[in-house]
Amino acid sequence: SVESAVERISADGGTPLVVAVRDAAGGRVLGVVHLKDVV
């Protein structure tokens, strides 16, 4: 789901910023922040 979001944001001309955490339970990706040039 995150890979799909990254590809979609990139295709739309935006910048995908992936957010992840690493703690005692291990490392995991939480999602994506969509950065874009705002008209």
Full PDB file with SEQRES, HELIX, SHEET, SSBOND, CRYST1, ORIGX, SCALE, CONECT and MASTER records, all heavy atoms in Angstrom:
SEQRES   1 A   39  SER VAL GLU SER ALA VAL GLU ARG ILE SER ALA ASP GLY          
SEQRES   2 A   39  GLY THR PRO LEU VAL VAL ALA VAL ARG ASP ALA ALA GLY          
SEQRES   3 A   39  GLY ARG VAL LEU GLY VAL VAL HIS LEU LYS ASP VAL VAL          
HELIX    1 AA1 VAL A    2  ALA A   11  1                                  10    
SHEET    1 AA1 2 THR A  15  ASP A  23  0                                        
SHEET    2 AA1 2 GLY A  26  LEU A  35 -1                                        
CRYST1    1.000    1.000    1.000  90.00  90.00  90.00 P 1           1          
ORIGX1      1.000000  0.000000  0.000000        0.00000                         
ORIGX2      0.000000  1.000000  0.000000        0.00000                         
ORIGX3      0.000000  0.000000  1.000000        0.00000                         
SCALE1      1.000000  0.000000  0.000000        0.00000                         
SCALE2      0.000000  1.000000  0.000000        0.00000                         
SCALE3      0.000000  0.000000  1.000000        0.00000                         
ATOM      1  N   SER A   1       0.833  -1.211   0.000  1.00  0.00           N  
ATOM      2  CA  SER A   1       0.000   0.000   0.000  1.00  0.00           C  
ATOM      3  C   SER A   1       0.867   1.260   0.000  1.00  0.00           C  
ATOM      4  O   SER A   1       0.535   2.264  -0.642  1.00  0.00           O  
ATOM      5  CB  SER A   1      -0.933   0.010   1.212  1.00  0.00           C  
ATOM      6  OG  SER A   1      -0.186   0.031   2.433  1.00  0.00           O  
ATOM      7  N   VAL A   2       1.997   1.198   0.715  1.00  0.00           N  
ATOM      8  CA  VAL A   2       2.898   2.347   0.752  1.00  0.00           C  
ATOM      9  C   VAL A   2       3.619   2.489  -0.593  1.00  0.00           C  
ATOM     10  O   VAL A   2       3.791   3.594  -1.109  1.00  0.00           O  
ATOM     11  CB  VAL A   2       3.920   2.201   1.898  1.00  0.00           C  
ATOM     12  CG1 VAL A   2       4.929   3.349   1.872  1.00  0.00           C  
ATOM     13  CG2 VAL A   2       3.210   2.158   3.247  1.00  0.00           C  
ATOM     14  N   GLU A   3       4.049   1.358  -1.172  1.00  0.00           N  
ATOM     15  CA  GLU A   3       4.693   1.383  -2.482  1.00  0.00           C  
ATOM     16  C   GLU A   3       3.770   2.001  -3.521  1.00  0.00           C  
ATOM     17  O   GLU A   3       4.173   2.825  -4.358  1.00  0.00           O  
ATOM     18  CB  GLU A   3       5.068  -0.037  -2.901  1.00  0.00           C  
ATOM     19  CG  GLU A   3       5.771  -0.146  -4.239  1.00  0.00           C  
ATOM     20  CD  GLU A   3       7.175   0.424  -4.209  1.00  0.00           C  
ATOM     21  OE1 GLU A   3       7.846   0.305  -3.168  1.00  0.00           O  
ATOM     22  OE2 GLU A   3       7.581   1.009  -5.228  1.00  0.00           O  
ATOM     23  N   SER A   4       2.500   1.634  -3.474  1.00  0.00           N  
ATOM     24  CA  SER A   4       1.513   2.180  -4.412  1.00  0.00           C  
ATOM     25  C   SER A   4       1.345   3.688  -4.219  1.00  0.00           C  
ATOM     26  O   SER A   4       1.250   4.446  -5.196  1.00  0.00           O  
ATOM     27  CB  SER A   4       0.172   1.468  -4.208  1.00  0.00           C  
ATOM     28  OG  SER A   4      -0.831   2.051  -5.012  1.00  0.00           O  
ATOM     29  N   ALA A   5       1.321   4.129  -2.950  1.00  0.00           N  
ATOM     30  CA  ALA A   5       1.171   5.562  -2.671  1.00  0.00           C  
ATOM     31  C   ALA A   5       2.387   6.343  -3.166  1.00  0.00           C  
ATOM     32  O   ALA A   5       2.252   7.436  -3.733  1.00  0.00           O  
ATOM     33  CB  ALA A   5       0.976   5.783  -1.175  1.00  0.00           C  
ATOM     34  N   VAL A   6       3.595   5.770  -2.976  1.00  0.00           N  
ATOM     35  CA  VAL A   6       4.822   6.435  -3.435  1.00  0.00           C  
ATOM     36  C   VAL A   6       4.796   6.601  -4.950  1.00  0.00           C  
ATOM     37  O   VAL A   6       5.117   7.666  -5.488  1.00  0.00           O  
ATOM     38  CB  VAL A   6       6.068   5.631  -2.999  1.00  0.00           C  
ATOM     39  CG1 VAL A   6       7.317   6.134  -3.722  1.00  0.00           C  
ATOM     40  CG2 VAL A   6       6.256   5.725  -1.494  1.00  0.00           C  
ATOM     41  N   GLU A   7       4.400   5.536  -5.668  1.00  0.00           N  
ATOM     42  CA  GLU A   7       4.357   5.603  -7.134  1.00  0.00           C  
ATOM     43  C   GLU A   7       3.319   6.620  -7.608  1.00  0.00           C  
ATOM     44  O   GLU A   7       3.551   7.364  -8.561  1.00  0.00           O  
ATOM     45  CB  GLU A   7       4.047   4.219  -7.703  1.00  0.00           C  
ATOM     46  CG  GLU A   7       5.178   3.212  -7.488  1.00  0.00           C  
ATOM     47  CD  GLU A   7       4.815   1.824  -7.985  1.00  0.00           C  
ATOM     48  OE1 GLU A   7       3.633   1.632  -8.370  1.00  0.00           O  
ATOM     49  OE2 GLU A   7       5.687   0.937  -7.972  1.00  0.00           O  
ATOM     50  N   ARG A   8       2.156   6.641  -6.951  1.00  0.00           N  
ATOM     51  CA  ARG A   8       1.091   7.569  -7.353  1.00  0.00           C  
ATOM     52  C   ARG A   8       1.508   9.017  -7.127  1.00  0.00           C  
ATOM     53  O   ARG A   8       1.297   9.878  -7.988  1.00  0.00           O  
ATOM     54  CB  ARG A   8      -0.182   7.260  -6.581  1.00  0.00           C  
ATOM     55  CG  ARG A   8      -1.382   8.114  -7.010  1.00  0.00           C  
ATOM     56  CD  ARG A   8      -2.637   7.748  -6.247  1.00  0.00           C  
ATOM     57  NE  ARG A   8      -2.563   8.099  -4.835  1.00  0.00           N  
ATOM     58  CZ  ARG A   8      -2.388   7.227  -3.841  1.00  0.00           C  
ATOM     59  NH1 ARG A   8      -2.254   5.937  -4.115  1.00  0.00           N  
ATOM     60  NH2 ARG A   8      -2.330   7.632  -2.582  1.00  0.00           N  
ATOM     61  N   ILE A   9       2.101   9.305  -5.968  1.00  0.00           N  
ATOM     62  CA  ILE A   9       2.535  10.674  -5.654  1.00  0.00           C  
ATOM     63  C   ILE A   9       3.617  11.130  -6.629  1.00  0.00           C  
ATOM     64  O   ILE A   9       3.597  12.260  -7.130  1.00  0.00           O  
ATOM     65  CB  ILE A   9       3.048  10.751  -4.195  1.00  0.00           C  
ATOM     66  CG1 ILE A   9       1.876  10.556  -3.224  1.00  0.00           C  
ATOM     67  CG2 ILE A   9       3.736  12.093  -3.935  1.00  0.00           C  
ATOM     68  CD1 ILE A   9       2.305  10.355  -1.781  1.00  0.00           C  
ATOM     69  N   SER A  10       4.563  10.244  -6.941  1.00  0.00           N  
ATOM     70  CA  SER A  10       5.630  10.588  -7.886  1.00  0.00           C  
ATOM     71  C   SER A  10       5.068  10.856  -9.270  1.00  0.00           C  
ATOM     72  O   SER A  10       5.503  11.791  -9.962  1.00  0.00           O  
ATOM     73  CB  SER A  10       6.667   9.456  -7.938  1.00  0.00           C  
ATOM     74  OG  SER A  10       7.269   9.257  -6.679  1.00  0.00           O  
ATOM     75  N   ALA A  11       4.104  10.035  -9.700  1.00  0.00           N  
ATOM     76  CA  ALA A  11       3.509  10.220 -11.028  1.00  0.00           C  
ATOM     77  C   ALA A  11       2.750  11.534 -11.127  1.00  0.00           C  
ATOM     78  O   ALA A  11       2.651  12.126 -12.214  1.00  0.00           O  
ATOM     79  CB  ALA A  11       2.579   9.050 -11.337  1.00  0.00           C  
ATOM     80  N   ASP A  12       2.221  12.004  -9.998  1.00  0.00           N  
ATOM     81  CA  ASP A  12       1.484  13.276  -9.987  1.00  0.00           C  
ATOM     82  C   ASP A  12       2.408  14.480  -9.860  1.00  0.00           C  
ATOM     83  O   ASP A  12       1.936  15.614  -9.775  1.00  0.00           O  
ATOM     84  CB  ASP A  12       0.483  13.297  -8.816  1.00  0.00           C  
ATOM     85  CG  ASP A  12      -0.679  12.333  -9.051  1.00  0.00           C  
ATOM     86  OD1 ASP A  12      -0.897  11.969 -10.221  1.00  0.00           O  
ATOM     87  OD2 ASP A  12      -1.350  11.959  -8.069  1.00  0.00           O  
ATOM     88  N   GLY A  13       3.721  14.229  -9.816  1.00  0.00           N  
ATOM     89  CA  GLY A  13       4.669  15.334  -9.723  1.00  0.00           C  
ATOM     90  C   GLY A  13       4.983  15.759  -8.308  1.00  0.00           C  
ATOM     91  O   GLY A  13       5.661  16.762  -8.092  1.00  0.00           O  
ATOM     92  N   GLY A  14       4.511  14.978  -7.310  1.00  0.00           N  
ATOM     93  CA  GLY A  14       4.787  15.317  -5.922  1.00  0.00           C  
ATOM     94  C   GLY A  14       6.031  14.616  -5.404  1.00  0.00           C  
ATOM     95  O   GLY A  14       6.712  13.885  -6.122  1.00  0.00           O  
ATOM     96  N   THR A  15       6.319  14.851  -4.124  1.00  0.00           N  
ATOM     97  CA  THR A  15       7.474  14.224  -3.477  1.00  0.00           C  
ATOM     98  C   THR A  15       6.968  13.360  -2.325  1.00  0.00           C  
ATOM     99  O   THR A  15       6.369  13.882  -1.382  1.00  0.00           O  
ATOM    100  CB  THR A  15       8.443  15.285  -2.931  1.00  0.00           C  
ATOM    101  OG1 THR A  15       8.893  16.105  -4.004  1.00  0.00           O  
ATOM    102  CG2 THR A  15       9.631  14.629  -2.250  1.00  0.00           C  
ATOM    103  N   PRO A  16       7.176  12.021  -2.411  1.00  0.00           N  
ATOM    104  CA  PRO A  16       6.743  11.148  -1.305  1.00  0.00           C  
ATOM    105  C   PRO A  16       7.792  11.127  -0.199  1.00  0.00           C  
ATOM    106  O   PRO A  16       8.978  10.905  -0.454  1.00  0.00           O  
ATOM    107  CB  PRO A  16       6.621   9.782  -1.980  1.00  0.00           C  
ATOM    108  CG  PRO A  16       7.595   9.829  -3.118  1.00  0.00           C  
ATOM    109  CD  PRO A  16       7.694  11.270  -3.556  1.00  0.00           C  
ATOM    110  N   LEU A  17       7.376  11.370   1.016  1.00  0.00           N  
ATOM    111  CA  LEU A  17       8.280  11.371   2.171  1.00  0.00           C  
ATOM    112  C   LEU A  17       7.831  10.225   3.084  1.00  0.00           C  
ATOM    113  O   LEU A  17       6.769  10.299   3.716  1.00  0.00           O  
ATOM    114  CB  LEU A  17       8.181  12.716   2.892  1.00  0.00           C  
ATOM    115  CG  LEU A  17       9.366  13.159   3.753  1.00  0.00           C  
ATOM    116  CD1 LEU A  17      10.614  13.324   2.895  1.00  0.00           C  
ATOM    117  CD2 LEU A  17       9.028  14.481   4.436  1.00  0.00           C  
ATOM    118  N   VAL A  18       8.594   9.161   3.123  1.00  0.00           N  
ATOM    119  CA  VAL A  18       8.210   7.967   3.887  1.00  0.00           C  
ATOM    120  C   VAL A  18       8.548   8.173   5.364  1.00  0.00           C  
ATOM    121  O   VAL A  18       9.639   8.643   5.708  1.00  0.00           O  
ATOM    122  CB  VAL A  18       8.937   6.725   3.338  1.00  0.00           C  
ATOM    123  CG1 VAL A  18       8.617   5.492   4.197  1.00  0.00           C  
ATOM    124  CG2 VAL A  18       8.535   6.478   1.897  1.00  0.00           C  
ATOM    125  N   VAL A  19       7.603   7.813   6.237  1.00  0.00           N  
ATOM    126  CA  VAL A  19       7.775   7.929   7.690  1.00  0.00           C  
ATOM    127  C   VAL A  19       7.882   6.527   8.289  1.00  0.00           C  
ATOM    128  O   VAL A  19       7.053   5.651   7.982  1.00  0.00           O  
ATOM    129  CB  VAL A  19       6.596   8.691   8.326  1.00  0.00           C  
ATOM    130  CG1 VAL A  19       6.775   8.783   9.845  1.00  0.00           C  
ATOM    131  CG2 VAL A  19       6.460  10.070   7.713  1.00  0.00           C  
ATOM    132  N   ALA A  20       8.899   6.315   9.125  1.00  0.00           N  
ATOM    133  CA  ALA A  20       9.099   4.999   9.740  1.00  0.00           C  
ATOM    134  C   ALA A  20       9.571   5.158  11.179  1.00  0.00           C  
ATOM    135  O   ALA A  20      10.092   6.211  11.565  1.00  0.00           O  
ATOM    136  CB  ALA A  20      10.126   4.196   8.941  1.00  0.00           C  
ATOM    137  N   VAL A  21       9.379   4.096  11.980  1.00  0.00           N  
ATOM    138  CA  VAL A  21       9.845   4.087  13.372  1.00  0.00           C  
ATOM    139  C   VAL A  21      10.618   2.796  13.619  1.00  0.00           C  
ATOM    140  O   VAL A  21      10.402   1.768  12.973  1.00  0.00           O  
ATOM    141  CB  VAL A  21       8.680   4.200  14.381  1.00  0.00           C  
ATOM    142  CG1 VAL A  21       7.954   5.513  14.213  1.00  0.00           C  
ATOM    143  CG2 VAL A  21       7.731   3.020  14.238  1.00  0.00           C  
ATOM    144  N   ARG A  22      11.523   2.884  14.596  1.00  0.00           N  
ATOM    145  CA  ARG A  22      12.255   1.689  15.017  1.00  0.00           C  
ATOM    146  C   ARG A  22      12.327   1.719  16.543  1.00  0.00           C  
ATOM    147  O   ARG A  22      12.809   2.701  17.123  1.00  0.00           O  
ATOM    148  CB  ARG A  22      13.654   1.685  14.402  1.00  0.00           C  
ATOM    149  CG  ARG A  22      14.378   0.350  14.565  1.00  0.00           C  
ATOM    150  CD  ARG A  22      15.561   0.249  13.607  1.00  0.00           C  
ATOM    151  NE  ARG A  22      16.530   1.311  13.828  1.00  0.00           N  
ATOM    152  CZ  ARG A  22      17.588   1.522  13.040  1.00  0.00           C  
ATOM    153  NH1 ARG A  22      17.768   0.764  11.966  1.00  0.00           N  
ATOM    154  NH2 ARG A  22      18.444   2.484  13.315  1.00  0.00           N  
ATOM    155  N   ASP A  23      11.781   0.669  17.162  1.00  0.00           N  
ATOM    156  CA  ASP A  23      11.764   0.587  18.625  1.00  0.00           C  
ATOM    157  C   ASP A  23      12.052  -0.838  19.049  1.00  0.00           C  
ATOM    158  O   ASP A  23      12.570  -1.644  18.253  1.00  0.00           O  
ATOM    159  CB  ASP A  23      10.426   1.090  19.184  1.00  0.00           C  
ATOM    160  CG  ASP A  23       9.227   0.392  18.544  1.00  0.00           C  
ATOM    161  OD1 ASP A  23       9.420  -0.709  17.984  1.00  0.00           O  
ATOM    162  OD2 ASP A  23       8.117   0.941  18.597  1.00  0.00           O  
ATOM    163  N   ALA A  24      11.677  -1.149  20.261  1.00  0.00           N  
ATOM    164  CA  ALA A  24      11.960  -2.491  20.786  1.00  0.00           C  
ATOM    165  C   ALA A  24      11.262  -3.573  19.981  1.00  0.00           C  
ATOM    166  O   ALA A  24      11.728  -4.727  19.917  1.00  0.00           O  
ATOM    167  CB  ALA A  24      11.534  -2.562  22.259  1.00  0.00           C  
ATOM    168  N   ALA A  25      10.138  -3.243  19.369  1.00  0.00           N  
ATOM    169  CA  ALA A  25       9.381  -4.226  18.582  1.00  0.00           C  
ATOM    170  C   ALA A  25       9.935  -4.395  17.180  1.00  0.00           C  
ATOM    171  O   ALA A  25       9.454  -5.220  16.403  1.00  0.00           O  
ATOM    172  CB  ALA A  25       7.913  -3.809  18.519  1.00  0.00           C  
ATOM    173  N   GLY A  26      10.915  -3.573  16.798  1.00  0.00           N  
ATOM    174  CA  GLY A  26      11.483  -3.658  15.459  1.00  0.00           C  
ATOM    175  C   GLY A  26      11.178  -2.415  14.642  1.00  0.00           C  
ATOM    176  O   GLY A  26      10.573  -1.454  15.121  1.00  0.00           O  
ATOM    177  N   GLY A  27      11.574  -2.465  13.387  1.00  0.00           N  
ATOM    178  CA  GLY A  27      11.344  -1.322  12.511  1.00  0.00           C  
ATOM    179  C   GLY A  27      10.145  -1.541  11.605  1.00  0.00           C  
ATOM    180  O   GLY A  27       9.871  -2.666  11.167  1.00  0.00           O  
ATOM    181  N   ARG A  28       9.403  -0.480  11.324  1.00  0.00           N  
ATOM    182  CA  ARG A  28       8.222  -0.592  10.465  1.00  0.00           C  
ATOM    183  C   ARG A  28       7.916   0.753   9.805  1.00  0.00           C  
ATOM    184  O   ARG A  28       8.184   1.819  10.360  1.00  0.00           O  
ATOM    185  CB  ARG A  28       7.015  -1.081  11.261  1.00  0.00           C  
ATOM    186  CG  ARG A  28       6.624  -0.169  12.412  1.00  0.00           C  
ATOM    187  CD  ARG A  28       5.631  -0.837  13.352  1.00  0.00           C  
ATOM    188  NE  ARG A  28       5.245   0.031  14.462  1.00  0.00           N  
ATOM    189  CZ  ARG A  28       5.964   0.228  15.543  1.00  0.00           C  
ATOM    190  NH1 ARG A  28       7.138  -0.380  15.673  1.00  0.00           N  
ATOM    191  NH2 ARG A  28       5.542   1.022  16.509  1.00  0.00           N  
ATOM    192  N   VAL A  29       7.333   0.687   8.627  1.00  0.00           N  
ATOM    193  CA  VAL A  29       6.914   1.874   7.879  1.00  0.00           C  
ATOM    194  C   VAL A  29       5.486   2.228   8.282  1.00  0.00           C  
ATOM    195  O   VAL A  29       4.604   1.352   8.318  1.00  0.00           O  
ATOM    196  CB  VAL A  29       6.988   1.618   6.356  1.00  0.00           C  
ATOM    197  CG1 VAL A  29       6.409   2.794   5.583  1.00  0.00           C  
ATOM    198  CG2 VAL A  29       8.425   1.365   5.927  1.00  0.00           C  
ATOM    199  N   LEU A  30       5.255   3.503   8.577  1.00  0.00           N  
ATOM    200  CA  LEU A  30       3.917   3.944   8.976  1.00  0.00           C  
ATOM    201  C   LEU A  30       3.103   4.484   7.808  1.00  0.00           C  
ATOM    202  O   LEU A  30       1.872   4.406   7.809  1.00  0.00           O  
ATOM    203  CB  LEU A  30       4.019   5.027  10.059  1.00  0.00           C  
ATOM    204  CG  LEU A  30       4.738   4.632  11.353  1.00  0.00           C  
ATOM    205  CD1 LEU A  30       4.703   5.779  12.341  1.00  0.00           C  
ATOM    206  CD2 LEU A  30       4.118   3.373  11.950  1.00  0.00           C  
ATOM    207  N   GLY A  31       3.795   5.074   6.821  1.00  0.00           N  
ATOM    208  CA  GLY A  31       3.065   5.649   5.687  1.00  0.00           C  
ATOM    209  C   GLY A  31       3.885   6.702   4.971  1.00  0.00           C  
ATOM    210  O   GLY A  31       5.110   6.753   5.113  1.00  0.00           O  
ATOM    211  N   VAL A  32       3.163   7.550   4.236  1.00  0.00           N  
ATOM    212  CA  VAL A  32       3.821   8.535   3.375  1.00  0.00           C  
ATOM    213  C   VAL A  32       3.201   9.914   3.598  1.00  0.00           C  
ATOM    214  O   VAL A  32       1.979  10.038   3.757  1.00  0.00           O  
ATOM    215  CB  VAL A  32       3.678   8.154   1.884  1.00  0.00           C  
ATOM    216  CG1 VAL A  32       4.457   9.127   1.004  1.00  0.00           C  
ATOM    217  CG2 VAL A  32       4.150   6.738   1.639  1.00  0.00           C  
ATOM    218  N   VAL A  33       4.076  10.915   3.627  1.00  0.00           N  
ATOM    219  CA  VAL A  33       3.615  12.311   3.604  1.00  0.00           C  
ATOM    220  C   VAL A  33       3.746  12.808   2.161  1.00  0.00           C  
ATOM    221  O   VAL A  33       4.814  12.678   1.551  1.00  0.00           O  
ATOM    222  CB  VAL A  33       4.451  13.202   4.543  1.00  0.00           C  
ATOM    223  CG1 VAL A  33       3.966  14.653   4.459  1.00  0.00           C  
ATOM    224  CG2 VAL A  33       4.371  12.690   5.970  1.00  0.00           C  
ATOM    225  N   HIS A  34       2.669  13.341   1.636  1.00  0.00           N  
ATOM    226  CA  HIS A  34       2.665  13.859   0.254  1.00  0.00           C  
ATOM    227  C   HIS A  34       3.100  15.327   0.272  1.00  0.00           C  
ATOM    228  O   HIS A  34       2.390  16.192   0.771  1.00  0.00           O  
ATOM    229  CB  HIS A  34       1.267  13.736  -0.340  1.00  0.00           C  
ATOM    230  CG  HIS A  34       1.184  14.154  -1.781  1.00  0.00           C  
ATOM    231  ND1 HIS A  34       0.026  14.046  -2.528  1.00  0.00           N  
ATOM    232  CD2 HIS A  34       2.111  14.682  -2.631  1.00  0.00           C  
ATOM    233  CE1 HIS A  34       0.245  14.489  -3.753  1.00  0.00           C  
ATOM    234  NE2 HIS A  34       1.502  14.882  -3.823  1.00  0.00           N  
ATOM    235  N   LEU A  35       4.317  15.575  -0.251  1.00  0.00           N  
ATOM    236  CA  LEU A  35       4.800  16.946  -0.401  1.00  0.00           C  
ATOM    237  C   LEU A  35       4.585  17.381  -1.845  1.00  0.00           C  
ATOM    238  O   LEU A  35       4.851  16.611  -2.775  1.00  0.00           O  
ATOM    239  CB  LEU A  35       6.289  17.054  -0.068  1.00  0.00           C  
ATOM    240  CG  LEU A  35       6.732  16.753   1.358  1.00  0.00           C  
ATOM    241  CD1 LEU A  35       8.239  16.909   1.459  1.00  0.00           C  
ATOM    242  CD2 LEU A  35       6.045  17.665   2.351  1.00  0.00           C  
ATOM    243  N   LYS A  36       4.142  18.599  -2.036  1.00  0.00           N  
ATOM    244  CA  LYS A  36       3.929  19.077  -3.401  1.00  0.00           C  
ATOM    245  C   LYS A  36       4.170  20.575  -3.479  1.00  0.00           C  
ATOM    246  O   LYS A  36       4.057  21.290  -2.474  1.00  0.00           O  
ATOM    247  CB  LYS A  36       2.513  18.755  -3.875  1.00  0.00           C  
ATOM    248  CG  LYS A  36       1.422  19.416  -3.046  1.00  0.00           C  
ATOM    249  CD  LYS A  36       0.023  19.086  -3.583  1.00  0.00           C  
ATOM    250  CE  LYS A  36      -0.235  19.740  -4.908  1.00  0.00           C  
ATOM    251  NZ  LYS A  36      -1.631  19.603  -5.351  1.00  0.00           N  
ATOM    252  N   ASP A  37       4.532  21.016  -4.670  1.00  0.00           N  
ATOM    253  CA  ASP A  37       4.580  22.450  -4.942  1.00  0.00           C  
ATOM    254  C   ASP A  37       3.142  22.938  -4.993  1.00  0.00           C  
ATOM    255  O   ASP A  37       2.339  22.445  -5.799  1.00  0.00           O  
ATOM    256  CB  ASP A  37       5.249  22.721  -6.300  1.00  0.00           C  
ATOM    257  CG  ASP A  37       6.738  22.970  -6.150  1.00  0.00           C  
ATOM    258  OD1 ASP A  37       7.175  23.190  -5.019  1.00  0.00           O  
ATOM    259  OD2 ASP A  37       7.449  22.944  -7.159  1.00  0.00           O  
ATOM    260  N   VAL A  38       2.814  23.903  -4.157  1.00  0.00           N  
ATOM    261  CA  VAL A  38       1.436  24.393  -4.097  1.00  0.00           C  
ATOM    262  C   VAL A  38       1.297  25.601  -5.010  1.00  0.00           C  
ATOM    263  O   VAL A  38       2.033  26.590  -4.873  1.00  0.00           O  
ATOM    264  CB  VAL A  38       1.056  24.765  -2.644  1.00  0.00           C  
ATOM    265  CG1 VAL A  38      -0.365  25.308  -2.594  1.00  0.00           C  
ATOM    266  CG2 VAL A  38       1.205  23.546  -1.745  1.00  0.00           C  
ATOM    267  N   VAL A  39       0.381  25.494  -5.948  1.00  0.00           N  
ATOM    268  CA  VAL A  39       0.128  26.598  -6.873  1.00  0.00           C  
ATOM    269  C   VAL A  39      -0.554  27.732  -6.116  1.00  0.00           C  
ATOM    270  O   VAL A  39      -1.489  27.504  -5.336  1.00  0.00           O  
ATOM    271  CB  VAL A  39      -0.749  26.130  -8.049  1.00  0.00           C  
ATOM    272  CG1 VAL A  39      -1.110  27.306  -8.950  1.00  0.00           C  
ATOM    273  CG2 VAL A  39      -0.025  25.066  -8.852  1.00  0.00           C  
TER     274      VAL A  39                                                      
MASTER        0    0    0    1    2    0    0    6  273    1    0    3          
END                                                                             
